[in-house]
Amino acid sequence: MEASGNIILEVKNLSHIFGTLKVLDDISFDVKSGEVVCVLGPSGCGKTTLLRIIAGLMPVRYGAIRIGGGTTSNLQDIGVVFQEPRLLPWRTTTGNVVLPFELADGKASGFQSEIAEEALNIVGLSDFKESYPYQLSGGMRQRVSLARALVTNPRILLMDEPLTGLDVTTREELQEEIIRIWREKKMSLLWVTHDPEEAVFMADRVIVLSNRPTTIKTVLDIPISRPRSRVTKDFVAAEQELRRLLL
């Protein structure tokens, strides 16, 4: 799917300091409607900090973030999937997925529960709606986390290395599944990763970050048609270029 060209997320001159440690230094980029953008950088460079600021989980101290042309967001603007699923162990799968509605409204309505079931169907977990987290595999728990992020129908989905720790087969299956959902929901994805292969498979564009104090080294377009094969000449060349840029 091609991006529509309308900018849905704009990050302008964003910097962040922890005490005397400057983590982010004048970061500027945008994400277009319907686009997949990967943020690729070495461990500890501030990728998660950047995503948490965009999500509104940390304050913007220097610079600005605009979502959909405005400086504020609401429940339906952004969904977030973290590296760890962060599920409540005492709740069923459905109970975890309806949580955003309860946090916003105090409780989930019957209609919202139906939306949660639809989200579970999208991620392939309809048969596990009454299961508890301990009864699910790591990949299934991350699918629950994805369903929870989808229930509010966000315009942009932020994903913080969501497949780290999964085995290779499960990780690749979920990459393909998320691309399918992205096409179906027509949302934008901002995906944080330290894996060049994952970035090439997922992204329309890759924003390559430096070590701290973190700046943008370059932005690399990935003009490879979908579905993507990991063994084509173009794919391997793009992956090798990203590995070179990370050095």
C-alpha atoms as a PDB file:
ATOM      1  CA  MET A   1       0.000   0.000   0.000  1.00  0.00           C
ATOM      2  CA  GLU A   2       1.262   3.440  -0.879  1.00  0.00           C
ATOM      3  CA  ALA A   3       1.231   6.235   1.663  1.00  0.00           C
ATOM      4  CA  SER A   4      -1.418   8.845   0.877  1.00  0.00           C
ATOM      5  CA  GLY A   5       0.972  11.759   1.203  1.00  0.00           C
ATOM      6  CA  ASN A   6      -0.835  13.448   4.108  1.00  0.00           C
ATOM      7  CA  ILE A   7       1.432  13.857   7.119  1.00  0.00           C
ATOM      8  CA  ILE A   8      -0.164  12.279  10.182  1.00  0.00           C
ATOM      9  CA  LEU A   9       2.799  12.591  12.582  1.00  0.00           C
ATOM     10  CA  GLU A  10       5.405  15.341  12.654  1.00  0.00           C
ATOM     11  CA  VAL A  11       8.368  15.411  15.023  1.00  0.00           C
ATOM     12  CA  LYS A  12      10.171  18.766  15.019  1.00  0.00           C
ATOM     13  CA  ASN A  13      13.530  19.526  16.639  1.00  0.00           C
ATOM     14  CA  LEU A  14      12.914  17.066  19.470  1.00  0.00           C
ATOM     15  CA  SER A  15      15.606  16.847  22.152  1.00  0.00           C
ATOM     16  CA  HIS A  16      15.569  15.133  25.518  1.00  0.00           C
ATOM     17  CA  ILE A  17      17.906  15.249  28.506  1.00  0.00           C
ATOM     18  CA  PHE A  18      18.064  12.990  31.562  1.00  0.00           C
ATOM     19  CA  GLY A  19      19.895  15.063  34.167  1.00  0.00           C
ATOM     20  CA  THR A  20      23.095  16.010  32.370  1.00  0.00           C
ATOM     21  CA  LEU A  21      22.841  13.184  29.791  1.00  0.00           C
ATOM     22  CA  LYS A  22      21.583  14.348  26.401  1.00  0.00           C
ATOM     23  CA  VAL A  23      19.779  11.398  24.840  1.00  0.00           C
ATOM     24  CA  LEU A  24      17.989  12.907  21.837  1.00  0.00           C
ATOM     25  CA  ASP A  25      19.505  15.807  19.922  1.00  0.00           C
ATOM     26  CA  ASP A  26      17.341  17.798  17.488  1.00  0.00           C
ATOM     27  CA  ILE A  27      15.333  14.920  15.978  1.00  0.00           C
ATOM     28  CA  SER A  28      12.985  15.852  13.113  1.00  0.00           C
ATOM     29  CA  PHE A  29      10.968  13.557  10.839  1.00  0.00           C
ATOM     30  CA  ASP A  30       7.410  12.856   9.715  1.00  0.00           C
ATOM     31  CA  VAL A  31       5.171   9.878   9.043  1.00  0.00           C
ATOM     32  CA  LYS A  32       2.610   9.969   6.249  1.00  0.00           C
ATOM     33  CA  SER A  33      -0.861   8.486   6.373  1.00  0.00           C
ATOM     34  CA  GLY A  34      -0.729   4.798   5.533  1.00  0.00           C
ATOM     35  CA  GLU A  35       3.064   4.631   5.769  1.00  0.00           C
ATOM     36  CA  VAL A  36       5.321   2.230   7.664  1.00  0.00           C
ATOM     37  CA  VAL A  37       8.375   3.983   9.094  1.00  0.00           C
ATOM     38  CA  CYS A  38      11.026   2.112  11.076  1.00  0.00           C
ATOM     39  CA  VAL A  39      13.324   3.806  13.560  1.00  0.00           C
ATOM     40  CA  LEU A  40      16.565   1.831  13.535  1.00  0.00           C
ATOM     41  CA  GLY A  41      19.402   2.429  15.938  1.00  0.00           C
ATOM     42  CA  PRO A  42      21.919   0.798  18.260  1.00  0.00           C
ATOM     43  CA  SER A  43      20.936  -0.360  21.740  1.00  0.00           C
ATOM     44  CA  GLY A  44      20.763   2.467  24.264  1.00  0.00           C
ATOM     45  CA  CYS A  45      20.518   5.267  21.721  1.00  0.00           C
ATOM     46  CA  GLY A  46      17.102   6.463  22.910  1.00  0.00           C
ATOM     47  CA  LYS A  47      14.682   4.732  20.541  1.00  0.00           C
ATOM     48  CA  THR A  48      12.268   3.808  23.327  1.00  0.00           C
ATOM     49  CA  THR A  49      12.513   7.290  24.831  1.00  0.00           C
ATOM     50  CA  LEU A  50      11.587   8.754  21.455  1.00  0.00           C
ATOM     51  CA  LEU A  51       8.573   6.468  21.130  1.00  0.00           C
ATOM     52  CA  ARG A  52       7.394   7.133  24.681  1.00  0.00           C
ATOM     53  CA  ILE A  53       7.516  10.889  24.073  1.00  0.00           C
ATOM     54  CA  ILE A  54       5.512  10.525  20.859  1.00  0.00           C
ATOM     55  CA  ALA A  55       2.986   8.350  22.713  1.00  0.00           C
ATOM     56  CA  GLY A  56       2.533  11.033  25.368  1.00  0.00           C
ATOM     57  CA  LEU A  57       4.014   8.846  28.104  1.00  0.00           C
ATOM     58  CA  MET A  58       6.874  11.309  28.640  1.00  0.00           C
ATOM     59  CA  PRO A  59       6.745  15.106  28.367  1.00  0.00           C
ATOM     60  CA  VAL A  60       7.980  17.071  25.364  1.00  0.00           C
ATOM     61  CA  ARG A  61      10.574  19.415  26.856  1.00  0.00           C
ATOM     62  CA  TYR A  62      12.416  20.593  23.757  1.00  0.00           C
ATOM     63  CA  GLY A  63      10.811  20.627  20.326  1.00  0.00           C
ATOM     64  CA  ALA A  64       7.296  19.732  19.232  1.00  0.00           C
ATOM     65  CA  ILE A  65       5.149  16.790  18.167  1.00  0.00           C
ATOM     66  CA  ARG A  66       2.072  17.200  15.980  1.00  0.00           C
ATOM     67  CA  ILE A  67      -0.412  14.412  15.330  1.00  0.00           C
ATOM     68  CA  GLY A  68      -2.921  14.874  12.553  1.00  0.00           C
ATOM     69  CA  GLY A  69      -1.979  18.530  12.306  1.00  0.00           C
ATOM     70  CA  GLY A  70      -2.542  19.283  16.008  1.00  0.00           C
ATOM     71  CA  THR A  71      -0.377  19.315  19.105  1.00  0.00           C
ATOM     72  CA  THR A  72      -2.746  17.229  21.223  1.00  0.00           C
ATOM     73  CA  SER A  73      -4.088  13.728  20.775  1.00  0.00           C
ATOM     74  CA  ASN A  74      -7.003  11.670  22.003  1.00  0.00           C
ATOM     75  CA  LEU A  75      -7.652   7.999  22.614  1.00  0.00           C
ATOM     76  CA  GLN A  76      -8.159   7.218  18.953  1.00  0.00           C
ATOM     77  CA  ASP A  77      -5.025   8.930  17.623  1.00  0.00           C
ATOM     78  CA  ILE A  78      -2.399   6.484  18.868  1.00  0.00           C
ATOM     79  CA  GLY A  79      -2.049   2.834  19.800  1.00  0.00           C
ATOM     80  CA  VAL A  80       1.092   1.479  21.453  1.00  0.00           C
ATOM     81  CA  VAL A  81       2.563  -2.022  21.485  1.00  0.00           C
ATOM     82  CA  PHE A  82       5.496  -2.416  23.858  1.00  0.00           C
ATOM     83  CA  GLN A  83       8.418  -4.832  23.780  1.00  0.00           C
ATOM     84  CA  GLU A  84       6.757  -6.778  26.603  1.00  0.00           C
ATOM     85  CA  PRO A  85       3.023  -7.548  26.249  1.00  0.00           C
ATOM     86  CA  ARG A  86       2.242  -6.004  29.685  1.00  0.00           C
ATOM     87  CA  LEU A  87      -0.911  -8.026  30.174  1.00  0.00           C
ATOM     88  CA  LEU A  88      -2.778  -8.161  33.488  1.00  0.00           C
ATOM     89  CA  PRO A  89      -2.345 -11.774  34.657  1.00  0.00           C
ATOM     90  CA  TRP A  90      -5.681 -11.903  36.481  1.00  0.00           C
ATOM     91  CA  ARG A  91      -7.644 -10.912  33.387  1.00  0.00           C
ATOM     92  CA  THR A  92      -8.711 -13.044  30.461  1.00  0.00           C
ATOM     93  CA  THR A  93      -7.649 -12.228  26.919  1.00  0.00           C
ATOM     94  CA  THR A  94     -10.865 -10.268  26.361  1.00  0.00           C
ATOM     95  CA  GLY A  95     -10.463  -8.537  29.707  1.00  0.00           C
ATOM     96  CA  ASN A  96      -7.032  -7.307  28.699  1.00  0.00           C
ATOM     97  CA  VAL A  97      -8.194  -6.126  25.278  1.00  0.00           C
ATOM     98  CA  VAL A  98     -11.075  -3.996  26.618  1.00  0.00           C
ATOM     99  CA  LEU A  99      -8.770  -2.250  29.096  1.00  0.00           C
ATOM    100  CA  PRO A 100      -8.348   0.958  26.993  1.00  0.00           C
ATOM    101  CA  PHE A 101     -12.113   1.471  27.072  1.00  0.00           C
ATOM    102  CA  GLU A 102     -12.223   1.029  30.834  1.00  0.00           C
ATOM    103  CA  LEU A 103      -9.377   3.480  31.356  1.00  0.00           C
ATOM    104  CA  ALA A 104     -11.205   6.049  29.223  1.00  0.00           C
ATOM    105  CA  ASP A 105     -14.802   5.496  30.308  1.00  0.00           C
ATOM    106  CA  GLY A 106     -14.616   3.632  33.607  1.00  0.00           C
ATOM    107  CA  LYS A 107     -16.089   0.466  32.113  1.00  0.00           C
ATOM    108  CA  ALA A 108     -16.443  -1.342  28.814  1.00  0.00           C
ATOM    109  CA  SER A 109     -19.884  -1.441  27.185  1.00  0.00           C
ATOM    110  CA  GLY A 110     -21.330  -4.442  25.432  1.00  0.00           C
ATOM    111  CA  PHE A 111     -20.608  -2.779  22.097  1.00  0.00           C
ATOM    112  CA  GLN A 112     -16.984  -2.247  23.096  1.00  0.00           C
ATOM    113  CA  SER A 113     -16.718  -5.887  24.097  1.00  0.00           C
ATOM    114  CA  GLU A 114     -17.876  -6.768  20.586  1.00  0.00           C
ATOM    115  CA  ILE A 115     -15.127  -4.525  19.194  1.00  0.00           C
ATOM    116  CA  ALA A 116     -12.635  -6.381  21.380  1.00  0.00           C
ATOM    117  CA  GLU A 117     -13.825  -9.708  19.998  1.00  0.00           C
ATOM    118  CA  GLU A 118     -13.452  -8.345  16.472  1.00  0.00           C
ATOM    119  CA  ALA A 119      -9.876  -7.277  17.274  1.00  0.00           C
ATOM    120  CA  LEU A 120      -9.126 -10.751  18.607  1.00  0.00           C
ATOM    121  CA  ASN A 121     -10.493 -12.206  15.394  1.00  0.00           C
ATOM    122  CA  ILE A 122      -8.180  -9.935  13.377  1.00  0.00           C
ATOM    123  CA  VAL A 123      -5.117 -11.191  15.263  1.00  0.00           C
ATOM    124  CA  GLY A 124      -6.264 -14.817  15.122  1.00  0.00           C
ATOM    125  CA  LEU A 125      -7.137 -15.359  18.792  1.00  0.00           C
ATOM    126  CA  SER A 126     -10.912 -15.794  18.755  1.00  0.00           C
ATOM    127  CA  ASP A 127     -10.583 -19.266  20.240  1.00  0.00           C
ATOM    128  CA  PHE A 128      -8.563 -17.948  23.185  1.00  0.00           C
ATOM    129  CA  LYS A 129     -10.750 -15.053  24.354  1.00  0.00           C
ATOM    130  CA  GLU A 130     -11.350 -16.657  27.766  1.00  0.00           C
ATOM    131  CA  SER A 131      -7.729 -17.746  28.277  1.00  0.00           C
ATOM    132  CA  TYR A 132      -5.396 -16.146  30.796  1.00  0.00           C
ATOM    133  CA  PRO A 133      -1.904 -14.876  29.920  1.00  0.00           C
ATOM    134  CA  TYR A 134      -0.170 -17.831  31.576  1.00  0.00           C
ATOM    135  CA  GLN A 135      -2.036 -20.147  29.207  1.00  0.00           C
ATOM    136  CA  LEU A 136      -0.692 -18.390  26.091  1.00  0.00           C
ATOM    137  CA  SER A 137       2.641 -18.589  24.274  1.00  0.00           C
ATOM    138  CA  GLY A 138       4.880 -15.545  23.951  1.00  0.00           C
ATOM    139  CA  GLY A 139       3.697 -14.884  20.417  1.00  0.00           C
ATOM    140  CA  MET A 140       0.061 -15.204  21.449  1.00  0.00           C
ATOM    141  CA  ARG A 141       0.533 -12.781  24.342  1.00  0.00           C
ATOM    142  CA  GLN A 142       1.986 -10.255  21.926  1.00  0.00           C
ATOM    143  CA  ARG A 143      -1.028 -10.778  19.662  1.00  0.00           C
ATOM    144  CA  VAL A 144      -3.244  -9.895  22.631  1.00  0.00           C
ATOM    145  CA  SER A 145      -1.197  -6.745  23.126  1.00  0.00           C
ATOM    146  CA  LEU A 146      -1.673  -5.917  19.445  1.00  0.00           C
ATOM    147  CA  ALA A 147      -5.430  -6.497  19.669  1.00  0.00           C
ATOM    148  CA  ARG A 148      -5.575  -4.176  22.696  1.00  0.00           C
ATOM    149  CA  ALA A 149      -3.845  -1.476  20.662  1.00  0.00           C
ATOM    150  CA  LEU A 150      -6.238  -1.967  17.736  1.00  0.00           C
ATOM    151  CA  VAL A 151      -9.562  -1.703  19.588  1.00  0.00           C
ATOM    152  CA  THR A 152      -9.582   2.100  19.575  1.00  0.00           C
ATOM    153  CA  ASN A 153      -8.969   2.111  15.811  1.00  0.00           C
ATOM    154  CA  PRO A 154      -5.856   4.318  16.067  1.00  0.00           C
ATOM    155  CA  ARG A 155      -4.636   6.355  13.133  1.00  0.00           C
ATOM    156  CA  ILE A 156      -1.037   5.563  14.001  1.00  0.00           C
ATOM    157  CA  LEU A 157       0.347   2.511  15.773  1.00  0.00           C
ATOM    158  CA  LEU A 158       3.612   2.835  17.687  1.00  0.00           C
ATOM    159  CA  MET A 159       5.548  -0.402  18.113  1.00  0.00           C
ATOM    160  CA  ASP A 160       8.572  -0.614  20.404  1.00  0.00           C
ATOM    161  CA  GLU A 161      10.601  -3.663  19.316  1.00  0.00           C
ATOM    162  CA  PRO A 162       7.434  -5.732  19.770  1.00  0.00           C
ATOM    163  CA  LEU A 163       8.891  -9.035  18.545  1.00  0.00           C
ATOM    164  CA  THR A 164      12.099  -9.097  20.571  1.00  0.00           C
ATOM    165  CA  GLY A 165      12.617 -12.393  22.404  1.00  0.00           C
ATOM    166  CA  LEU A 166      10.433 -14.459  20.089  1.00  0.00           C
ATOM    167  CA  ASP A 167      11.895 -17.317  18.085  1.00  0.00           C
ATOM    168  CA  VAL A 168      12.732 -16.620  14.440  1.00  0.00           C
ATOM    169  CA  THR A 169       9.736 -18.468  12.996  1.00  0.00           C
ATOM    170  CA  THR A 170       7.227 -16.766  15.299  1.00  0.00           C
ATOM    171  CA  ARG A 171       8.831 -13.385  14.721  1.00  0.00           C
ATOM    172  CA  GLU A 172       8.636 -13.699  10.935  1.00  0.00           C
ATOM    173  CA  GLU A 173       5.038 -14.951  11.109  1.00  0.00           C
ATOM    174  CA  LEU A 174       4.039 -11.952  13.221  1.00  0.00           C
ATOM    175  CA  GLN A 175       5.853  -9.542  10.902  1.00  0.00           C
ATOM    176  CA  GLU A 176       3.758 -10.871   8.019  1.00  0.00           C
ATOM    177  CA  GLU A 177       0.604 -10.801  10.143  1.00  0.00           C
ATOM    178  CA  ILE A 178       1.162  -7.185  11.183  1.00  0.00           C
ATOM    179  CA  ILE A 179       1.685  -6.149   7.562  1.00  0.00           C
ATOM    180  CA  ARG A 180      -1.621  -7.862   6.716  1.00  0.00           C
ATOM    181  CA  ILE A 181      -3.388  -5.987   9.524  1.00  0.00           C
ATOM    182  CA  TRP A 182      -1.740  -2.722   8.463  1.00  0.00           C
ATOM    183  CA  ARG A 183      -3.127  -3.168   4.952  1.00  0.00           C
ATOM    184  CA  GLU A 184      -6.580  -4.032   6.282  1.00  0.00           C
ATOM    185  CA  LYS A 185      -6.797  -1.196   8.817  1.00  0.00           C
ATOM    186  CA  LYS A 186      -5.097   1.411   6.565  1.00  0.00           C
ATOM    187  CA  MET A 187      -3.221   2.894   9.524  1.00  0.00           C
ATOM    188  CA  SER A 188       0.298   4.257   9.843  1.00  0.00           C
ATOM    189  CA  LEU A 189       3.024   2.346  11.684  1.00  0.00           C
ATOM    190  CA  LEU A 190       6.040   3.745  13.496  1.00  0.00           C
ATOM    191  CA  TRP A 191       8.166   0.717  14.339  1.00  0.00           C
ATOM    192  CA  VAL A 192      11.267   0.815  16.554  1.00  0.00           C
ATOM    193  CA  THR A 193      13.868  -1.880  15.973  1.00  0.00           C
ATOM    194  CA  HIS A 194      17.577  -2.651  16.224  1.00  0.00           C
ATOM    195  CA  ASP A 195      17.321  -5.345  13.518  1.00  0.00           C
ATOM    196  CA  PRO A 196      18.173  -4.234   9.935  1.00  0.00           C
ATOM    197  CA  GLU A 197      16.438  -7.271   8.387  1.00  0.00           C
ATOM    198  CA  GLU A 198      13.215  -6.473  10.251  1.00  0.00           C
ATOM    199  CA  ALA A 199      13.442  -2.850   9.158  1.00  0.00           C
ATOM    200  CA  VAL A 200      13.781  -3.801   5.491  1.00  0.00           C
ATOM    201  CA  PHE A 201      10.904  -6.279   5.711  1.00  0.00           C
ATOM    202  CA  MET A 202       8.513  -3.864   7.430  1.00  0.00           C
ATOM    203  CA  ALA A 203       9.315  -0.333   6.309  1.00  0.00           C
ATOM    204  CA  ASP A 204       8.625   2.073   3.491  1.00  0.00           C
ATOM    205  CA  ARG A 205      11.318   4.282   5.018  1.00  0.00           C
ATOM    206  CA  VAL A 206      13.957   3.659   7.671  1.00  0.00           C
ATOM    207  CA  ILE A 207      15.188   6.434   9.968  1.00  0.00           C
ATOM    208  CA  VAL A 208      18.717   5.501  11.053  1.00  0.00           C
ATOM    209  CA  LEU A 209      19.818   6.907  14.417  1.00  0.00           C
ATOM    210  CA  SER A 210      23.317   7.490  15.732  1.00  0.00           C
ATOM    211  CA  ASN A 211      24.702   6.675  19.155  1.00  0.00           C
ATOM    212  CA  ARG A 212      24.097   9.183  21.972  1.00  0.00           C
ATOM    213  CA  PRO A 213      23.629  12.061  21.842  1.00  0.00           C
ATOM    214  CA  THR A 214      21.267  10.666  19.237  1.00  0.00           C
ATOM    215  CA  THR A 215      20.774  12.368  15.906  1.00  0.00           C
ATOM    216  CA  ILE A 216      19.355  11.156  12.603  1.00  0.00           C
ATOM    217  CA  LYS A 217      22.225   9.818  10.498  1.00  0.00           C
ATOM    218  CA  THR A 218      20.119   9.301   7.382  1.00  0.00           C
ATOM    219  CA  VAL A 219      16.702   8.251   6.089  1.00  0.00           C
ATOM    220  CA  LEU A 220      16.688   5.302   3.689  1.00  0.00           C
ATOM    221  CA  ASP A 221      13.771   4.578   1.353  1.00  0.00           C
ATOM    222  CA  ILE A 222      12.863   0.900   0.878  1.00  0.00           C
ATOM    223  CA  PRO A 223      11.262   0.821  -2.608  1.00  0.00           C
ATOM    224  CA  ILE A 224      10.674  -2.947  -2.614  1.00  0.00           C
ATOM    225  CA  SER A 225       7.228  -4.128  -3.612  1.00  0.00           C
ATOM    226  CA  ARG A 226       5.149  -6.253  -1.223  1.00  0.00           C
ATOM    227  CA  PRO A 227       5.004  -9.097  -0.404  1.00  0.00           C
ATOM    228  CA  ARG A 228       8.743  -9.032   0.244  1.00  0.00           C
ATOM    229  CA  SER A 229      11.113 -11.952   0.007  1.00  0.00           C
ATOM    230  CA  ARG A 230      14.091 -11.840   2.340  1.00  0.00           C
ATOM    231  CA  VAL A 231      16.410 -13.469  -0.203  1.00  0.00           C
ATOM    232  CA  THR A 232      16.071 -11.162  -3.207  1.00  0.00           C
ATOM    233  CA  LYS A 233      19.032  -9.098  -4.365  1.00  0.00           C
ATOM    234  CA  ASP A 234      17.319  -5.796  -3.508  1.00  0.00           C
ATOM    235  CA  PHE A 235      16.346  -6.981  -0.028  1.00  0.00           C
ATOM    236  CA  VAL A 236      19.845  -8.199   0.816  1.00  0.00           C
ATOM    237  CA  ALA A 237      21.416  -5.009  -0.557  1.00  0.00           C
ATOM    238  CA  ALA A 238      19.126  -2.811   1.566  1.00  0.00           C
ATOM    239  CA  GLU A 239      19.850  -4.880   4.673  1.00  0.00           C
ATOM    240  CA  GLN A 240      23.606  -4.644   4.081  1.00  0.00           C
ATOM    241  CA  GLU A 241      23.353  -0.882   3.616  1.00  0.00           C
ATOM    242  CA  LEU A 242      21.528  -0.519   6.928  1.00  0.00           C
ATOM    243  CA  ARG A 243      24.126  -2.647   8.688  1.00  0.00           C
ATOM    244  CA  ARG A 244      26.836  -0.390   7.256  1.00  0.00           C
ATOM    245  CA  LEU A 245      25.002   2.721   8.428  1.00  0.00           C
ATOM    246  CA  LEU A 246      24.783   1.345  11.975  1.00  0.00           C
ATOM    247  CA  LEU A 247      28.578   1.070  12.269  1.00  0.00           C
END
